[in-house]
Amino acid sequence: MEKSSYVYILASGRYGTLYTGVTSNLVRRVWEHREGLVDGFTKEYGVKQLVWFEQDVDIYAAITREKQIKKWRRDWKIELIQKTNPLWRDLFPDICA
């Protein structure tokens, strides 16, 4: 059985600092970012709100997608977020339910 993989974007707030990542456990990974458990970019800049994600069954496809999005211009990332989350609502409670 294939394990799901996720590409996600976190933000420090509406139109704030953005971070793109990939994981096989979205709830755990976003929780780690929120709690500041891992030193790095998200902890330093307070990037904690899950504002966008997509699921894939293939980790290699998810990694490729993450790399693609990381190369995008900022306005393209904002457009991607606003297509599904125009209010930049934190999606973390939704994925925990």
C-alpha atoms as a PDB file:
ATOM      1  CA  MET A   1       0.000   0.000   0.000  1.00  0.00           C
ATOM      2  CA  GLU A   2       1.313   3.439  -0.990  1.00  0.00           C
ATOM      3  CA  LYS A   3       1.823   6.031   1.722  1.00  0.00           C
ATOM      4  CA  SER A   4       0.381   9.481   1.069  1.00  0.00           C
ATOM      5  CA  SER A   5       2.743  12.403   0.672  1.00  0.00           C
ATOM      6  CA  TYR A   6       1.973  16.096   0.947  1.00  0.00           C
ATOM      7  CA  VAL A   7       3.336  19.332  -0.424  1.00  0.00           C
ATOM      8  CA  TYR A   8       2.385  22.244   1.801  1.00  0.00           C
ATOM      9  CA  ILE A   9       2.772  25.979   2.214  1.00  0.00           C
ATOM     10  CA  LEU A  10       2.975  27.674   5.605  1.00  0.00           C
ATOM     11  CA  ALA A  11       2.655  31.422   6.160  1.00  0.00           C
ATOM     12  CA  SER A  12       3.456  33.817   8.982  1.00  0.00           C
ATOM     13  CA  GLY A  13       0.102  35.500   8.290  1.00  0.00           C
ATOM     14  CA  ARG A  14      -1.946  36.811   5.393  1.00  0.00           C
ATOM     15  CA  TYR A  15       0.509  37.786   2.628  1.00  0.00           C
ATOM     16  CA  GLY A  16       3.331  37.096   5.088  1.00  0.00           C
ATOM     17  CA  THR A  17       6.501  35.059   4.857  1.00  0.00           C
ATOM     18  CA  LEU A  18       5.979  31.749   3.022  1.00  0.00           C
ATOM     19  CA  TYR A  19       7.571  28.332   3.431  1.00  0.00           C
ATOM     20  CA  THR A  20       7.083  25.353   1.109  1.00  0.00           C
ATOM     21  CA  GLY A  21       7.731  21.824   2.331  1.00  0.00           C
ATOM     22  CA  VAL A  22       7.039  18.144   1.705  1.00  0.00           C
ATOM     23  CA  THR A  23       6.184  15.385   4.182  1.00  0.00           C
ATOM     24  CA  SER A  24       4.571  11.977   4.527  1.00  0.00           C
ATOM     25  CA  ASN A  25       2.813  12.992   7.768  1.00  0.00           C
ATOM     26  CA  LEU A  26       1.195  16.400   7.368  1.00  0.00           C
ATOM     27  CA  VAL A  27      -0.354  16.664  10.842  1.00  0.00           C
ATOM     28  CA  ARG A  28       2.897  15.804  12.627  1.00  0.00           C
ATOM     29  CA  ARG A  29       5.067  18.024  10.440  1.00  0.00           C
ATOM     30  CA  VAL A  30       2.837  21.103  10.690  1.00  0.00           C
ATOM     31  CA  TRP A  31       2.574  20.557  14.457  1.00  0.00           C
ATOM     32  CA  GLU A  32       6.394  20.504  14.635  1.00  0.00           C
ATOM     33  CA  HIS A  33       6.538  23.827  12.781  1.00  0.00           C
ATOM     34  CA  ARG A  34       3.850  25.347  15.018  1.00  0.00           C
ATOM     35  CA  GLU A  35       5.603  24.274  18.194  1.00  0.00           C
ATOM     36  CA  GLY A  36       9.025  25.428  16.991  1.00  0.00           C
ATOM     37  CA  LEU A  37      10.517  21.970  17.522  1.00  0.00           C
ATOM     38  CA  VAL A  38      12.874  22.184  14.566  1.00  0.00           C
ATOM     39  CA  ASP A  39      15.425  24.977  14.287  1.00  0.00           C
ATOM     40  CA  GLY A  40      15.460  26.747  10.959  1.00  0.00           C
ATOM     41  CA  PHE A  41      13.553  29.114   8.715  1.00  0.00           C
ATOM     42  CA  THR A  42      10.035  28.580  10.041  1.00  0.00           C
ATOM     43  CA  LYS A  43      11.090  28.960  13.661  1.00  0.00           C
ATOM     44  CA  GLU A  44      13.190  32.052  12.945  1.00  0.00           C
ATOM     45  CA  TYR A  45      10.448  33.829  10.973  1.00  0.00           C
ATOM     46  CA  GLY A  46       7.373  32.600  12.870  1.00  0.00           C
ATOM     47  CA  VAL A  47       5.923  30.736   9.899  1.00  0.00           C
ATOM     48  CA  LYS A  48       3.254  28.530  11.502  1.00  0.00           C
ATOM     49  CA  GLN A  49      -0.050  28.721   9.612  1.00  0.00           C
ATOM     50  CA  LEU A  50      -0.916  25.971   7.137  1.00  0.00           C
ATOM     51  CA  VAL A  51      -2.480  27.877   4.226  1.00  0.00           C
ATOM     52  CA  TRP A  52      -2.257  25.357   1.363  1.00  0.00           C
ATOM     53  CA  PHE A  53      -1.485  21.687   0.766  1.00  0.00           C
ATOM     54  CA  GLU A  54      -1.934  18.979  -1.826  1.00  0.00           C
ATOM     55  CA  GLN A  55      -1.803  15.223  -1.431  1.00  0.00           C
ATOM     56  CA  ASP A  56       0.015  12.747  -3.638  1.00  0.00           C
ATOM     57  CA  VAL A  57       0.476   8.976  -3.317  1.00  0.00           C
ATOM     58  CA  ASP A  58       3.984   9.125  -4.765  1.00  0.00           C
ATOM     59  CA  ILE A  59       6.715  10.742  -2.639  1.00  0.00           C
ATOM     60  CA  TYR A  60       8.853  11.359  -5.713  1.00  0.00           C
ATOM     61  CA  ALA A  61       6.049  13.305  -7.392  1.00  0.00           C
ATOM     62  CA  ALA A  62       5.529  15.287  -4.178  1.00  0.00           C
ATOM     63  CA  ILE A  63       9.235  16.139  -3.964  1.00  0.00           C
ATOM     64  CA  THR A  64       9.245  17.212  -7.613  1.00  0.00           C
ATOM     65  CA  ARG A  65       6.193  19.407  -7.015  1.00  0.00           C
ATOM     66  CA  GLU A  66       7.791  20.961  -3.919  1.00  0.00           C
ATOM     67  CA  LYS A  67      10.929  21.835  -5.879  1.00  0.00           C
ATOM     68  CA  GLN A  68       8.781  23.298  -8.669  1.00  0.00           C
ATOM     69  CA  ILE A  69       6.822  25.515  -6.272  1.00  0.00           C
ATOM     70  CA  LYS A  70       9.975  26.638  -4.443  1.00  0.00           C
ATOM     71  CA  LYS A  71      11.284  28.040  -7.746  1.00  0.00           C
ATOM     72  CA  TRP A  72       8.086  29.990  -8.392  1.00  0.00           C
ATOM     73  CA  ARG A  73       7.814  33.721  -7.985  1.00  0.00           C
ATOM     74  CA  ARG A  74       6.126  34.867  -4.778  1.00  0.00           C
ATOM     75  CA  ASP A  75       3.033  36.171  -6.595  1.00  0.00           C
ATOM     76  CA  TRP A  76       2.478  32.749  -8.186  1.00  0.00           C
ATOM     77  CA  LYS A  77       2.544  31.116  -4.740  1.00  0.00           C
ATOM     78  CA  ILE A  78       0.074  33.698  -3.437  1.00  0.00           C
ATOM     79  CA  GLU A  79      -2.220  32.975  -6.391  1.00  0.00           C
ATOM     80  CA  LEU A  80      -2.012  29.221  -5.660  1.00  0.00           C
ATOM     81  CA  ILE A  81      -3.005  29.822  -2.027  1.00  0.00           C
ATOM     82  CA  GLN A  82      -5.843  32.200  -2.893  1.00  0.00           C
ATOM     83  CA  LYS A  83      -7.429  29.766  -5.362  1.00  0.00           C
ATOM     84  CA  THR A  84      -8.422  27.435  -2.521  1.00  0.00           C
ATOM     85  CA  ASN A  85      -7.977  29.609   0.579  1.00  0.00           C
ATOM     86  CA  PRO A  86      -8.753  33.255  -0.271  1.00  0.00           C
ATOM     87  CA  LEU A  87      -8.983  34.275   3.396  1.00  0.00           C
ATOM     88  CA  TRP A  88      -5.665  32.612   4.254  1.00  0.00           C
ATOM     89  CA  ARG A  89      -7.410  30.632   6.980  1.00  0.00           C
ATOM     90  CA  ASP A  90      -5.179  28.318   9.028  1.00  0.00           C
ATOM     91  CA  LEU A  91      -6.030  24.814   7.762  1.00  0.00           C
ATOM     92  CA  PHE A  92      -4.354  22.964  10.628  1.00  0.00           C
ATOM     93  CA  PRO A  93      -7.597  22.447  12.634  1.00  0.00           C
ATOM     94  CA  ASP A  94      -9.198  20.975   9.494  1.00  0.00           C
ATOM     95  CA  ILE A  95      -6.504  18.323   9.018  1.00  0.00           C
ATOM     96  CA  CYS A  96      -6.615  17.395  12.708  1.00  0.00           C
ATOM     97  CA  ALA A  97     -10.366  16.758  12.685  1.00  0.00           C
END
